[in-house]
Amino acid sequence: DYWKVGVRAFGLGSSLYKPGDDAKLIGERAVRSVAAYDALQD
């Protein structure tokens, strides 16, 4: 588990945006990514 060993930075570029994606889809992915990151801190 990356979090347990001290990793605190993650590259998200291609998981958030792919050519042709609309802003709504990108926003939904971003919200899910932030929620997943926040859950690691609990």
Protein backbone atom coordinates (compact mmCIF):
# COMPACT_ATOMS: atom_id res chain seq x y z
CA ASP A 1 0.00 0.00 0.00
CA TYR A 2 1.60 3.21 -1.19
CA TRP A 3 0.01 5.39 1.49
CA LYS A 4 1.40 3.24 4.32
CA VAL A 5 4.97 3.68 3.07
CA GLY A 6 4.71 7.46 2.81
CA VAL A 7 3.74 8.17 -0.79
CA ARG A 8 1.69 11.40 -0.88
CA ALA A 9 1.82 12.44 -4.55
CA PHE A 10 0.12 10.73 -7.44
CA GLY A 11 0.06 11.44 -11.19
CA LEU A 12 -3.52 11.62 -12.41
CA GLY A 13 -3.28 13.09 -15.92
CA SER A 14 -4.49 10.26 -18.13
CA SER A 15 -6.92 8.97 -15.51
CA LEU A 16 -8.71 12.34 -15.57
CA TYR A 17 -8.58 13.32 -19.24
CA LYS A 18 -8.64 11.49 -22.52
CA PRO A 19 -9.00 13.24 -25.89
CA GLY A 20 -12.64 13.84 -26.67
CA ASP A 21 -13.86 13.78 -23.05
CA ASP A 22 -16.28 16.51 -22.09
CA ALA A 23 -15.89 18.74 -19.04
CA LYS A 24 -18.66 16.99 -17.11
CA LEU A 25 -16.95 13.59 -17.37
CA ILE A 26 -13.58 15.07 -16.41
CA GLY A 27 -15.18 16.77 -13.41
CA GLU A 28 -16.80 13.52 -12.27
CA ARG A 29 -13.47 11.72 -12.48
CA ALA A 30 -11.78 14.52 -10.54
CA VAL A 31 -14.38 14.36 -7.77
CA ARG A 32 -13.92 10.58 -7.47
CA SER A 33 -10.14 10.95 -7.41
CA VAL A 34 -10.24 13.54 -4.63
CA ALA A 35 -12.67 11.39 -2.62
CA ALA A 36 -10.39 8.36 -2.97
CA TYR A 37 -7.36 10.40 -1.88
CA ASP A 38 -9.25 11.84 1.10
CA ALA A 39 -10.35 8.34 2.14
CA LEU A 40 -6.69 7.29 2.41
CA GLN A 41 -6.16 9.83 5.15
CA ASP A 42 -8.88 8.39 7.40
